[in-house]
Amino acid sequence: MLAPKRSDVDMNSEEFKKEEEKTKKFVQKVVDQFGWCFNPDKEVYDAIVMGLTRNKLMYGKRYCPCFIPVGDKEDRICPCKPAVDHEVAEGCCHCGIFCNPEKCKEMEG
């Protein structure tokens, strides 16, 4: 397992809020780059953005918050390799923040 650079992440701090804004811009760039869309469930979006931000502050990179960074940890930097390779094409990525447009329409129902 990758040792965190720090473990004292205060999600109410100014530092966290600033990094969270950067993460929101980052995930928007990912969506724009790949032609994906965000999961229409705002709770999923908020939880994953929070997890990505926390990992960025703890580990120095935006690791997918659904996995503990171990082994092929570079494959789990957002957008993770499985998401890019096949998961989103099949519907949504593992953590659920990124979906293909058809899946988003289906979920919006």
PDB file of N, CA and C in Angstrom:
ATOM      1  N   MET A   1       0.844  -1.172   0.000  1.00  0.00           N
ATOM      2  CA  MET A   1       0.000   0.000   0.000  1.00  0.00           C
ATOM      3  C   MET A   1       0.890   1.236   0.000  1.00  0.00           C
ATOM      4  N   LEU A   2       0.472   2.252  -0.720  1.00  0.00           N
ATOM      5  CA  LEU A   2       1.187   3.516  -0.784  1.00  0.00           C
ATOM      6  C   LEU A   2       1.004   4.258   0.530  1.00  0.00           C
ATOM      7  N   ALA A   3       2.090   4.692   1.124  1.00  0.00           N
ATOM      8  CA  ALA A   3       2.004   5.439   2.385  1.00  0.00           C
ATOM      9  C   ALA A   3       1.572   6.868   2.089  1.00  0.00           C
ATOM     10  N   PRO A   4       0.578   7.371   2.823  1.00  0.00           N
ATOM     11  CA  PRO A   4       0.152   8.748   2.594  1.00  0.00           C
ATOM     12  C   PRO A   4       1.259   9.730   2.964  1.00  0.00           C
ATOM     13  N   LYS A   5       1.320  10.827   2.219  1.00  0.00           N
ATOM     14  CA  LYS A   5       2.278  11.883   2.534  1.00  0.00           C
ATOM     15  C   LYS A   5       1.849  12.608   3.797  1.00  0.00           C
ATOM     16  N   ARG A   6       0.565  12.536   4.063  1.00  0.00           N
ATOM     17  CA  ARG A   6       0.000  13.147   5.269  1.00  0.00           C
ATOM     18  C   ARG A   6      -1.333  12.478   5.572  1.00  0.00           C
ATOM     19  N   SER A   7      -1.756  12.594   6.793  1.00  0.00           N
ATOM     20  CA  SER A   7      -3.022  11.967   7.168  1.00  0.00           C
ATOM     21  C   SER A   7      -3.970  12.942   7.855  1.00  0.00           C
ATOM     22  N   ASP A   8      -3.560  14.186   7.938  1.00  0.00           N
ATOM     23  CA  ASP A   8      -4.340  15.185   8.670  1.00  0.00           C
ATOM     24  C   ASP A   8      -5.157  16.077   7.735  1.00  0.00           C
ATOM     25  N   VAL A   9      -5.951  15.480   6.879  1.00  0.00           N
ATOM     26  CA  VAL A   9      -6.744  16.252   5.930  1.00  0.00           C
ATOM     27  C   VAL A   9      -8.041  16.695   6.600  1.00  0.00           C
ATOM     28  N   ASP A  10      -8.203  18.011   6.724  1.00  0.00           N
ATOM     29  CA  ASP A  10      -9.406  18.597   7.309  1.00  0.00           C
ATOM     30  C   ASP A  10     -10.313  19.041   6.167  1.00  0.00           C
ATOM     31  N   MET A  11     -11.413  18.334   5.971  1.00  0.00           N
ATOM     32  CA  MET A  11     -12.293  18.619   4.847  1.00  0.00           C
ATOM     33  C   MET A  11     -13.044  19.939   4.990  1.00  0.00           C
ATOM     34  N   ASN A  12     -12.927  20.583   6.139  1.00  0.00           N
ATOM     35  CA  ASN A  12     -13.552  21.889   6.335  1.00  0.00           C
ATOM     36  C   ASN A  12     -12.555  23.032   6.198  1.00  0.00           C
ATOM     37  N   SER A  13     -11.304  22.710   5.925  1.00  0.00           N
ATOM     38  CA  SER A  13     -10.260  23.735   5.852  1.00  0.00           C
ATOM     39  C   SER A  13     -10.313  24.501   4.530  1.00  0.00           C
ATOM     40  N   GLU A  14      -9.718  25.685   4.530  1.00  0.00           N
ATOM     41  CA  GLU A  14      -9.585  26.478   3.306  1.00  0.00           C
ATOM     42  C   GLU A  14      -8.773  25.710   2.273  1.00  0.00           C
ATOM     43  N   GLU A  15      -7.717  25.045   2.744  1.00  0.00           N
ATOM     44  CA  GLU A  15      -6.860  24.269   1.853  1.00  0.00           C
ATOM     45  C   GLU A  15      -7.688  23.225   1.102  1.00  0.00           C
ATOM     46  N   PHE A  16      -8.546  22.509   1.817  1.00  0.00           N
ATOM     47  CA  PHE A  16      -9.370  21.480   1.187  1.00  0.00           C
ATOM     48  C   PHE A  16     -10.328  22.114   0.186  1.00  0.00           C
ATOM     49  N   LYS A  17     -10.972  23.200   0.580  1.00  0.00           N
ATOM     50  CA  LYS A  17     -11.944  23.853  -0.300  1.00  0.00           C
ATOM     51  C   LYS A  17     -11.293  24.345  -1.589  1.00  0.00           C
ATOM     52  N   LYS A  18     -10.085  24.888  -1.479  1.00  0.00           N
ATOM     53  CA  LYS A  18      -9.365  25.355  -2.675  1.00  0.00           C
ATOM     54  C   LYS A  18      -9.001  24.179  -3.577  1.00  0.00           C
ATOM     55  N   GLU A  19      -8.525  23.106  -2.965  1.00  0.00           N
ATOM     56  CA  GLU A  19      -8.162  21.921  -3.757  1.00  0.00           C
ATOM     57  C   GLU A  19      -9.402  21.287  -4.376  1.00  0.00           C
ATOM     58  N   GLU A  20     -10.519  21.329  -3.661  1.00  0.00           N
ATOM     59  CA  GLU A  20     -11.767  20.781  -4.189  1.00  0.00           C
ATOM     60  C   GLU A  20     -12.208  21.543  -5.441  1.00  0.00           C
ATOM     61  N   GLU A  21     -12.029  22.849  -5.453  1.00  0.00           N
ATOM     62  CA  GLU A  21     -12.355  23.637  -6.649  1.00  0.00           C
ATOM     63  C   GLU A  21     -11.464  23.222  -7.820  1.00  0.00           C
ATOM     64  N   LYS A  22     -10.195  22.981  -7.543  1.00  0.00           N
ATOM     65  CA  LYS A  22      -9.276  22.505  -8.590  1.00  0.00           C
ATOM     66  C   LYS A  22      -9.720  21.135  -9.103  1.00  0.00           C
ATOM     67  N   THR A  23     -10.170  20.284  -8.199  1.00  0.00           N
ATOM     68  CA  THR A  23     -10.636  18.952  -8.592  1.00  0.00           C
ATOM     69  C   THR A  23     -11.877  19.058  -9.474  1.00  0.00           C
ATOM     70  N   LYS A  24     -12.780  19.957  -9.148  1.00  0.00           N
ATOM     71  CA  LYS A  24     -13.983  20.143  -9.975  1.00  0.00           C
ATOM     72  C   LYS A  24     -13.606  20.582 -11.387  1.00  0.00           C
ATOM     73  N   LYS A  25     -12.617  21.470 -11.491  1.00  0.00           N
ATOM     74  CA  LYS A  25     -12.147  21.894 -12.818  1.00  0.00           C
ATOM     75  C   LYS A  25     -11.485  20.721 -13.539  1.00  0.00           C
ATOM     76  N   PHE A  26     -10.736  19.933 -12.788  1.00  0.00           N
ATOM     77  CA  PHE A  26     -10.063  18.764 -13.363  1.00  0.00           C
ATOM     78  C   PHE A  26     -11.079  17.771 -13.938  1.00  0.00           C
ATOM     79  N   VAL A  27     -12.095  17.401 -13.156  1.00  0.00           N
ATOM     80  CA  VAL A  27     -13.061  16.411 -13.652  1.00  0.00           C
ATOM     81  C   VAL A  27     -13.858  16.968 -14.827  1.00  0.00           C
ATOM     82  N   GLN A  28     -14.084  18.280 -14.850  1.00  0.00           N
ATOM     83  CA  GLN A  28     -14.760  18.889 -16.002  1.00  0.00           C
ATOM     84  C   GLN A  28     -13.900  18.749 -17.251  1.00  0.00           C
ATOM     85  N   LYS A  29     -12.594  18.945 -17.105  1.00  0.00           N
ATOM     86  CA  LYS A  29     -11.683  18.767 -18.247  1.00  0.00           C
ATOM     87  C   LYS A  29     -11.704  17.325 -18.745  1.00  0.00           C
ATOM     88  N   VAL A  30     -11.783  16.376 -17.816  1.00  0.00           N
ATOM     89  CA  VAL A  30     -11.845  14.957 -18.196  1.00  0.00           C
ATOM     90  C   VAL A  30     -13.100  14.697 -19.025  1.00  0.00           C
ATOM     91  N   VAL A  31     -14.229  15.185 -18.547  1.00  0.00           N
ATOM     92  CA  VAL A  31     -15.501  15.011 -19.261  1.00  0.00           C
ATOM     93  C   VAL A  31     -15.408  15.627 -20.659  1.00  0.00           C
ATOM     94  N   ASP A  32     -14.862  16.837 -20.728  1.00  0.00           N
ATOM     95  CA  ASP A  32     -14.742  17.520 -22.018  1.00  0.00           C
ATOM     96  C   ASP A  32     -13.795  16.774 -22.956  1.00  0.00           C
ATOM     97  N   GLN A  33     -12.684  16.297 -22.424  1.00  0.00           N
ATOM     98  CA  GLN A  33     -11.676  15.617 -23.236  1.00  0.00           C
ATOM     99  C   GLN A  33     -12.200  14.319 -23.850  1.00  0.00           C
ATOM    100  N   PHE A  34     -12.937  13.550 -23.066  1.00  0.00           N
ATOM    101  CA  PHE A  34     -13.367  12.224 -23.521  1.00  0.00           C
ATOM    102  C   PHE A  34     -14.796  12.181 -24.075  1.00  0.00           C
ATOM    103  N   GLY A  35     -15.528  13.283 -23.966  1.00  0.00           N
ATOM    104  CA  GLY A  35     -16.905  13.282 -24.443  1.00  0.00           C
ATOM    105  C   GLY A  35     -17.842  12.514 -23.529  1.00  0.00           C
ATOM    106  N   TRP A  36     -17.465  12.406 -22.266  1.00  0.00           N
ATOM    107  CA  TRP A  36     -18.281  11.721 -21.272  1.00  0.00           C
ATOM    108  C   TRP A  36     -19.247  12.712 -20.642  1.00  0.00           C
ATOM    109  N   CYS A  37     -20.009  12.260 -19.674  1.00  0.00           N
ATOM    110  CA  CYS A  37     -20.865  13.137 -18.882  1.00  0.00           C
ATOM    111  C   CYS A  37     -20.749  12.709 -17.424  1.00  0.00           C
ATOM    112  N   PHE A  38     -21.199  13.593 -16.547  1.00  0.00           N
ATOM    113  CA  PHE A  38     -21.197  13.260 -15.125  1.00  0.00           C
ATOM    114  C   PHE A  38     -22.435  12.447 -14.789  1.00  0.00           C
ATOM    115  N   ASN A  39     -22.282  11.551 -13.840  1.00  0.00           N
ATOM    116  CA  ASN A  39     -23.418  10.826 -13.300  1.00  0.00           C
ATOM    117  C   ASN A  39     -24.443  11.870 -12.854  1.00  0.00           C
ATOM    118  N   PRO A  40     -25.697  11.756 -13.274  1.00  0.00           N
ATOM    119  CA  PRO A  40     -26.691  12.755 -12.889  1.00  0.00           C
ATOM    120  C   PRO A  40     -27.026  12.757 -11.394  1.00  0.00           C
ATOM    121  N   ASP A  41     -26.594  11.755 -10.659  1.00  0.00           N
ATOM    122  CA  ASP A  41     -26.807  11.713  -9.210  1.00  0.00           C
ATOM    123  C   ASP A  41     -25.760  12.605  -8.540  1.00  0.00           C
ATOM    124  N   LYS A  42     -26.189  13.771  -8.078  1.00  0.00           N
ATOM    125  CA  LYS A  42     -25.270  14.755  -7.495  1.00  0.00           C
ATOM    126  C   LYS A  42     -24.529  14.199  -6.285  1.00  0.00           C
ATOM    127  N   GLU A  43     -25.144  13.309  -5.541  1.00  0.00           N
ATOM    128  CA  GLU A  43     -24.469  12.718  -4.379  1.00  0.00           C
ATOM    129  C   GLU A  43     -23.243  11.915  -4.810  1.00  0.00           C
ATOM    130  N   VAL A  44     -23.342  11.217  -5.930  1.00  0.00           N
ATOM    131  CA  VAL A  44     -22.198  10.460  -6.452  1.00  0.00           C
ATOM    132  C   VAL A  44     -21.098  11.435  -6.847  1.00  0.00           C
ATOM    133  N   TYR A  45     -21.465  12.466  -7.608  1.00  0.00           N
ATOM    134  CA  TYR A  45     -20.497  13.480  -8.037  1.00  0.00           C
ATOM    135  C   TYR A  45     -19.785  14.083  -6.828  1.00  0.00           C
ATOM    136  N   ASP A  46     -20.554  14.547  -5.854  1.00  0.00           N
ATOM    137  CA  ASP A  46     -19.970  15.196  -4.670  1.00  0.00           C
ATOM    138  C   ASP A  46     -19.044  14.259  -3.902  1.00  0.00           C
ATOM    139  N   ALA A  47     -19.461  13.014  -3.718  1.00  0.00           N
ATOM    140  CA  ALA A  47     -18.653  12.054  -2.956  1.00  0.00           C
ATOM    141  C   ALA A  47     -17.336  11.747  -3.665  1.00  0.00           C
ATOM    142  N   ILE A  48     -17.385  11.580  -4.974  1.00  0.00           N
ATOM    143  CA  ILE A  48     -16.167  11.244  -5.712  1.00  0.00           C
ATOM    144  C   ILE A  48     -15.238  12.447  -5.785  1.00  0.00           C
ATOM    145  N   VAL A  49     -15.776  13.637  -6.006  1.00  0.00           N
ATOM    146  CA  VAL A  49     -14.935  14.844  -6.003  1.00  0.00           C
ATOM    147  C   VAL A  49     -14.260  14.995  -4.644  1.00  0.00           C
ATOM    148  N   MET A  50     -14.996  14.752  -3.580  1.00  0.00           N
ATOM    149  CA  MET A  50     -14.422  14.839  -2.239  1.00  0.00           C
ATOM    150  C   MET A  50     -13.298  13.808  -2.064  1.00  0.00           C
ATOM    151  N   GLY A  51     -13.538  12.588  -2.518  1.00  0.00           N
ATOM    152  CA  GLY A  51     -12.525  11.538  -2.400  1.00  0.00           C
ATOM    153  C   GLY A  51     -11.289  11.817  -3.232  1.00  0.00           C
ATOM    154  N   LEU A  52     -11.475  12.324  -4.447  1.00  0.00           N
ATOM    155  CA  LEU A  52     -10.334  12.682  -5.295  1.00  0.00           C
ATOM    156  C   LEU A  52      -9.515  13.795  -4.650  1.00  0.00           C
ATOM    157  N   THR A  53     -10.208  14.764  -4.074  1.00  0.00           N
ATOM    158  CA  THR A  53      -9.532  15.884  -3.404  1.00  0.00           C
ATOM    159  C   THR A  53      -8.749  15.382  -2.202  1.00  0.00           C
ATOM    160  N   ARG A  54      -9.371  14.539  -1.427  1.00  0.00           N
ATOM    161  CA  ARG A  54      -8.701  13.979  -0.243  1.00  0.00           C
ATOM    162  C   ARG A  54      -7.443  13.211  -0.655  1.00  0.00           C
ATOM    163  N   ASN A  55      -7.549  12.392  -1.692  1.00  0.00           N
ATOM    164  CA  ASN A  55      -6.386  11.633  -2.153  1.00  0.00           C
ATOM    165  C   ASN A  55      -5.292  12.543  -2.693  1.00  0.00           C
ATOM    166  N   LYS A  56      -5.675  13.615  -3.368  1.00  0.00           N
ATOM    167  CA  LYS A  56      -4.679  14.567  -3.871  1.00  0.00           C
ATOM    168  C   LYS A  56      -3.896  15.167  -2.703  1.00  0.00           C
ATOM    169  N   LEU A  57      -4.593  15.540  -1.647  1.00  0.00           N
ATOM    170  CA  LEU A  57      -3.924  16.126  -0.482  1.00  0.00           C
ATOM    171  C   LEU A  57      -3.123  15.086   0.295  1.00  0.00           C
ATOM    172  N   MET A  58      -3.629  13.867   0.378  1.00  0.00           N
ATOM    173  CA  MET A  58      -2.937  12.824   1.148  1.00  0.00           C
ATOM    174  C   MET A  58      -1.772  12.190   0.399  1.00  0.00           C
ATOM    175  N   TYR A  59      -1.968  11.910  -0.886  1.00  0.00           N
ATOM    176  CA  TYR A  59      -0.983  11.144  -1.656  1.00  0.00           C
ATOM    177  C   TYR A  59      -0.263  11.953  -2.737  1.00  0.00           C
ATOM    178  N   GLY A  60      -0.753  13.164  -2.986  1.00  0.00           N
ATOM    179  CA  GLY A  60      -0.129  14.006  -4.000  1.00  0.00           C
ATOM    180  C   GLY A  60      -0.678  13.807  -5.402  1.00  0.00           C
ATOM    181  N   LYS A  61      -1.617  12.862  -5.575  1.00  0.00           N
ATOM    182  CA  LYS A  61      -2.240  12.604  -6.875  1.00  0.00           C
ATOM    183  C   LYS A  61      -3.712  12.283  -6.662  1.00  0.00           C
ATOM    184  N   ARG A  62      -4.499  12.484  -7.695  1.00  0.00           N
ATOM    185  CA  ARG A  62      -5.935  12.212  -7.608  1.00  0.00           C
ATOM    186  C   ARG A  62      -6.212  10.743  -7.917  1.00  0.00           C
ATOM    187  N   TYR A  63      -5.888   9.893  -6.968  1.00  0.00           N
ATOM    188  CA  TYR A  63      -6.191   8.468  -7.121  1.00  0.00           C
ATOM    189  C   TYR A  63      -7.689   8.261  -6.992  1.00  0.00           C
ATOM    190  N   CYS A  64      -8.207   7.302  -7.756  1.00  0.00           N
ATOM    191  CA  CYS A  64      -9.613   6.933  -7.654  1.00  0.00           C
ATOM    192  C   CYS A  64      -9.922   6.635  -6.188  1.00  0.00           C
ATOM    193  N   PRO A  65     -10.948   7.260  -5.629  1.00  0.00           N
ATOM    194  CA  PRO A  65     -11.244   7.050  -4.210  1.00  0.00           C
ATOM    195  C   PRO A  65     -11.872   5.696  -3.898  1.00  0.00           C
ATOM    196  N   CYS A  66     -12.187   4.920  -4.918  1.00  0.00           N
ATOM    197  CA  CYS A  66     -12.817   3.614  -4.697  1.00  0.00           C
ATOM    198  C   CYS A  66     -11.814   2.503  -4.433  1.00  0.00           C
ATOM    199  N   PHE A  67     -10.536   2.809  -4.583  1.00  0.00           N
ATOM    200  CA  PHE A  67      -9.487   1.810  -4.395  1.00  0.00           C
ATOM    201  C   PHE A  67      -8.384   2.372  -3.519  1.00  0.00           C
ATOM    202  N   ILE A  68      -7.803   1.524  -2.685  1.00  0.00           N
ATOM    203  CA  ILE A  68      -6.627   1.910  -1.911  1.00  0.00           C
ATOM    204  C   ILE A  68      -5.449   1.852  -2.873  1.00  0.00           C
ATOM    205  N   PRO A  69      -4.643   2.916  -2.947  1.00  0.00           N
ATOM    206  CA  PRO A  69      -3.516   2.909  -3.889  1.00  0.00           C
ATOM    207  C   PRO A  69      -2.467   1.850  -3.542  1.00  0.00           C
ATOM    208  N   VAL A  70      -2.502   0.730  -4.243  1.00  0.00           N
ATOM    209  CA  VAL A  70      -1.526  -0.355  -4.073  1.00  0.00           C
ATOM    210  C   VAL A  70      -1.141  -0.883  -5.451  1.00  0.00           C
ATOM    211  N   GLY A  71      -0.056  -1.605  -5.514  1.00  0.00           N
ATOM    212  CA  GLY A  71       0.330  -2.262  -6.764  1.00  0.00           C
ATOM    213  C   GLY A  71       0.466  -1.302  -7.919  1.00  0.00           C
ATOM    214  N   ASP A  72      -0.343  -1.503  -8.949  1.00  0.00           N
ATOM    215  CA  ASP A  72      -0.303  -0.651 -10.139  1.00  0.00           C
ATOM    216  C   ASP A  72      -1.044   0.653  -9.872  1.00  0.00           C
ATOM    217  N   LYS A  73      -0.568   1.380  -8.887  1.00  0.00           N
ATOM    218  CA  LYS A  73      -1.272   2.584  -8.454  1.00  0.00           C
ATOM    219  C   LYS A  73      -1.382   3.648  -9.543  1.00  0.00           C
ATOM    220  N   GLU A  74      -0.423   3.693 -10.477  1.00  0.00           N
ATOM    221  CA  GLU A  74      -0.494   4.675 -11.559  1.00  0.00           C
ATOM    222  C   GLU A  74      -1.729   4.434 -12.424  1.00  0.00           C
ATOM    223  N   ASP A  75      -2.181   3.181 -12.502  1.00  0.00           N
ATOM    224  CA  ASP A  75      -3.383   2.862 -13.269  1.00  0.00           C
ATOM    225  C   ASP A  75      -4.648   3.382 -12.598  1.00  0.00           C
ATOM    226  N   ARG A  76      -4.535   3.806 -11.366  1.00  0.00           N
ATOM    227  CA  ARG A  76      -5.706   4.266 -10.605  1.00  0.00           C
ATOM    228  C   ARG A  76      -5.736   5.775 -10.409  1.00  0.00           C
ATOM    229  N   ILE A  77      -4.907   6.495 -11.167  1.00  0.00           N
ATOM    230  CA  ILE A  77      -4.985   7.952 -11.135  1.00  0.00           C
ATOM    231  C   ILE A  77      -6.122   8.355 -12.061  1.00  0.00           C
ATOM    232  N   CYS A  78      -6.983   9.212 -11.592  1.00  0.00           N
ATOM    233  CA  CYS A  78      -8.167   9.639 -12.336  1.00  0.00           C
ATOM    234  C   CYS A  78      -7.774  10.427 -13.587  1.00  0.00           C
ATOM    235  N   PRO A  79      -8.389  10.145 -14.735  1.00  0.00           N
ATOM    236  CA  PRO A  79      -9.301   9.040 -14.975  1.00  0.00           C
ATOM    237  C   PRO A  79      -8.514   7.735 -15.057  1.00  0.00           C
ATOM    238  N   CYS A  80      -8.944   6.758 -14.316  1.00  0.00           N
ATOM    239  CA  CYS A  80      -8.180   5.510 -14.215  1.00  0.00           C
ATOM    240  C   CYS A  80      -8.191   4.747 -15.546  1.00  0.00           C
ATOM    241  N   LYS A  81      -7.203   3.911 -15.708  1.00  0.00           N
ATOM    242  CA  LYS A  81      -7.030   3.141 -16.948  1.00  0.00           C
ATOM    243  C   LYS A  81      -8.269   2.304 -17.292  1.00  0.00           C
ATOM    244  N   PRO A  82      -8.868   1.589 -16.317  1.00  0.00           N
ATOM    245  CA  PRO A  82     -10.074   0.824 -16.667  1.00  0.00           C
ATOM    246  C   PRO A  82     -11.211   1.709 -17.192  1.00  0.00           C
ATOM    247  N   ALA A  83     -11.352   2.909 -16.631  1.00  0.00           N
ATOM    248  CA  ALA A  83     -12.407   3.816 -17.105  1.00  0.00           C
ATOM    249  C   ALA A  83     -12.160   4.209 -18.552  1.00  0.00           C
ATOM    250  N   VAL A  84     -10.925   4.586 -18.844  1.00  0.00           N
ATOM    251  CA  VAL A  84     -10.568   5.013 -20.197  1.00  0.00           C
ATOM    252  C   VAL A  84     -10.643   3.842 -21.173  1.00  0.00           C
ATOM    253  N   ASP A  85     -10.152   2.687 -20.755  1.00  0.00           N
ATOM    254  CA  ASP A  85     -10.085   1.530 -21.649  1.00  0.00           C
ATOM    255  C   ASP A  85     -11.442   0.921 -21.987  1.00  0.00           C
ATOM    256  N   HIS A  86     -12.335   0.812 -20.989  1.00  0.00           N
ATOM    257  CA  HIS A  86     -13.584   0.105 -21.297  1.00  0.00           C
ATOM    258  C   HIS A  86     -14.770   0.449 -20.403  1.00  0.00           C
ATOM    259  N   GLU A  87     -14.564   0.840 -19.168  1.00  0.00           N
ATOM    260  CA  GLU A  87     -15.698   0.976 -18.242  1.00  0.00           C
ATOM    261  C   GLU A  87     -16.724   2.010 -18.702  1.00  0.00           C
ATOM    262  N   VAL A  88     -16.267   3.205 -19.067  1.00  0.00           N
ATOM    263  CA  VAL A  88     -17.231   4.236 -19.458  1.00  0.00           C
ATOM    264  C   VAL A  88     -17.938   3.852 -20.759  1.00  0.00           C
ATOM    265  N   ALA A  89     -17.228   3.240 -21.663  1.00  0.00           N
ATOM    266  CA  ALA A  89     -17.870   2.778 -22.906  1.00  0.00           C
ATOM    267  C   ALA A  89     -19.006   1.802 -22.602  1.00  0.00           C
ATOM    268  N   GLU A  90     -18.863   1.062 -21.503  1.00  0.00           N
ATOM    269  CA  GLU A  90     -19.875   0.085 -21.105  1.00  0.00           C
ATOM    270  C   GLU A  90     -20.976   0.696 -20.241  1.00  0.00           C
ATOM    271  N   GLY A  91     -20.848   1.955 -19.854  1.00  0.00           N
ATOM    272  CA  GLY A  91     -21.857   2.619 -19.024  1.00  0.00           C
ATOM    273  C   GLY A  91     -21.246   3.694 -18.162  1.00  0.00           C
ATOM    274  N   CYS A  92     -20.673   3.277 -17.024  1.00  0.00           N
ATOM    275  CA  CYS A  92     -20.052   4.216 -16.088  1.00  0.00           C
ATOM    276  C   CYS A  92     -18.740   3.633 -15.577  1.00  0.00           C
ATOM    277  N   CYS A  93     -17.873   4.511 -15.115  1.00  0.00           N
ATOM    278  CA  CYS A  93     -16.642   4.031 -14.489  1.00  0.00           C
ATOM    279  C   CYS A  93     -16.982   3.385 -13.142  1.00  0.00           C
ATOM    280  N   HIS A  94     -16.029   2.680 -12.578  1.00  0.00           N
ATOM    281  CA  HIS A  94     -16.257   1.944 -11.333  1.00  0.00           C
ATOM    282  C   HIS A  94     -16.811   2.835 -10.226  1.00  0.00           C
ATOM    283  N   CYS A  95     -16.236   4.010 -10.036  1.00  0.00           N
ATOM    284  CA  CYS A  95     -16.697   4.873  -8.939  1.00  0.00           C
ATOM    285  C   CYS A  95     -17.986   5.602  -9.293  1.00  0.00           C
ATOM    286  N   GLY A  96     -18.313   5.664 -10.578  1.00  0.00           N
ATOM    287  CA  GLY A  96     -19.614   6.179 -10.987  1.00  0.00           C
ATOM    288  C   GLY A  96     -19.687   7.641 -11.355  1.00  0.00           C
ATOM    289  N   ILE A  97     -18.596   8.385 -11.269  1.00  0.00           N
ATOM    290  CA  ILE A  97     -18.682   9.812 -11.597  1.00  0.00           C
ATOM    291  C   ILE A  97     -18.788  10.044 -13.099  1.00  0.00           C
ATOM    292  N   PHE A  98     -18.088   9.233 -13.898  1.00  0.00           N
ATOM    293  CA  PHE A  98     -18.078   9.407 -15.349  1.00  0.00           C
ATOM    294  C   PHE A  98     -18.943   8.344 -16.021  1.00  0.00           C
ATOM    295  N   CYS A  99     -19.790   8.807 -16.942  1.00  0.00           N
ATOM    296  CA  CYS A  99     -20.658   7.894 -17.690  1.00  0.00           C
ATOM    297  C   CYS A  99     -20.607   8.268 -19.163  1.00  0.00           C
ATOM    298  N   ASN A 100     -21.033   7.346 -19.998  1.00  0.00           N
ATOM    299  CA  ASN A 100     -21.169   7.715 -21.407  1.00  0.00           C
ATOM    300  C   ASN A 100     -22.510   8.435 -21.567  1.00  0.00           C
ATOM    301  N   PRO A 101     -22.663   9.241 -22.617  1.00  0.00           N
ATOM    302  CA  PRO A 101     -23.889  10.032 -22.769  1.00  0.00           C
ATOM    303  C   PRO A 101     -25.173   9.205 -22.781  1.00  0.00           C
ATOM    304  N   GLU A 102     -25.129   8.023 -23.382  1.00  0.00           N
ATOM    305  CA  GLU A 102     -26.329   7.180 -23.426  1.00  0.00           C
ATOM    306  C   GLU A 102     -26.750   6.757 -22.017  1.00  0.00           C
ATOM    307  N   LYS A 103     -25.763   6.391 -21.201  1.00  0.00           N
ATOM    308  CA  LYS A 103     -26.052   5.974 -19.825  1.00  0.00           C
ATOM    309  C   LYS A 103     -26.615   7.143 -19.024  1.00  0.00           C
ATOM    310  N   CYS A 104     -26.078   8.337 -19.238  1.00  0.00           N
ATOM    311  CA  CYS A 104     -26.593   9.515 -18.532  1.00  0.00           C
ATOM    312  C   CYS A 104     -28.060   9.753 -18.867  1.00  0.00           C
ATOM    313  N   LYS A 105     -28.392   9.651 -20.152  1.00  0.00           N
ATOM    314  CA  LYS A 105     -29.792   9.839 -20.567  1.00  0.00           C
ATOM    315  C   LYS A 105     -30.687   8.794 -19.918  1.00  0.00           C
ATOM    316  N   GLU A 106     -30.217   7.562 -19.901  1.00  0.00           N
ATOM    317  CA  GLU A 106     -30.970   6.465 -19.284  1.00  0.00           C
ATOM    318  C   GLU A 106     -31.178   6.726 -17.789  1.00  0.00           C
ATOM    319  N   MET A 107     -30.141   7.202 -17.113  1.00  0.00           N
ATOM    320  CA  MET A 107     -30.219   7.445 -15.670  1.00  0.00           C
ATOM    321  C   MET A 107     -31.102   8.643 -15.335  1.00  0.00           C
ATOM    322  N   GLU A 108     -31.132   9.614 -16.240  1.00  0.00           N
ATOM    323  CA  GLU A 108     -31.981  10.787 -16.017  1.00  0.00           C
ATOM    324  C   GLU A 108     -33.447  10.432 -16.210  1.00  0.00           C
ATOM    325  N   GLY A 109     -33.670   9.341 -16.954  1.00  0.00           N
ATOM    326  CA  GLY A 109     -34.959   8.732 -17.159  1.00  0.00           C
ATOM    327  C   GLY A 109     -36.065   9.587 -17.515  1.00  0.00           C
TER     328      GLY A 109
END
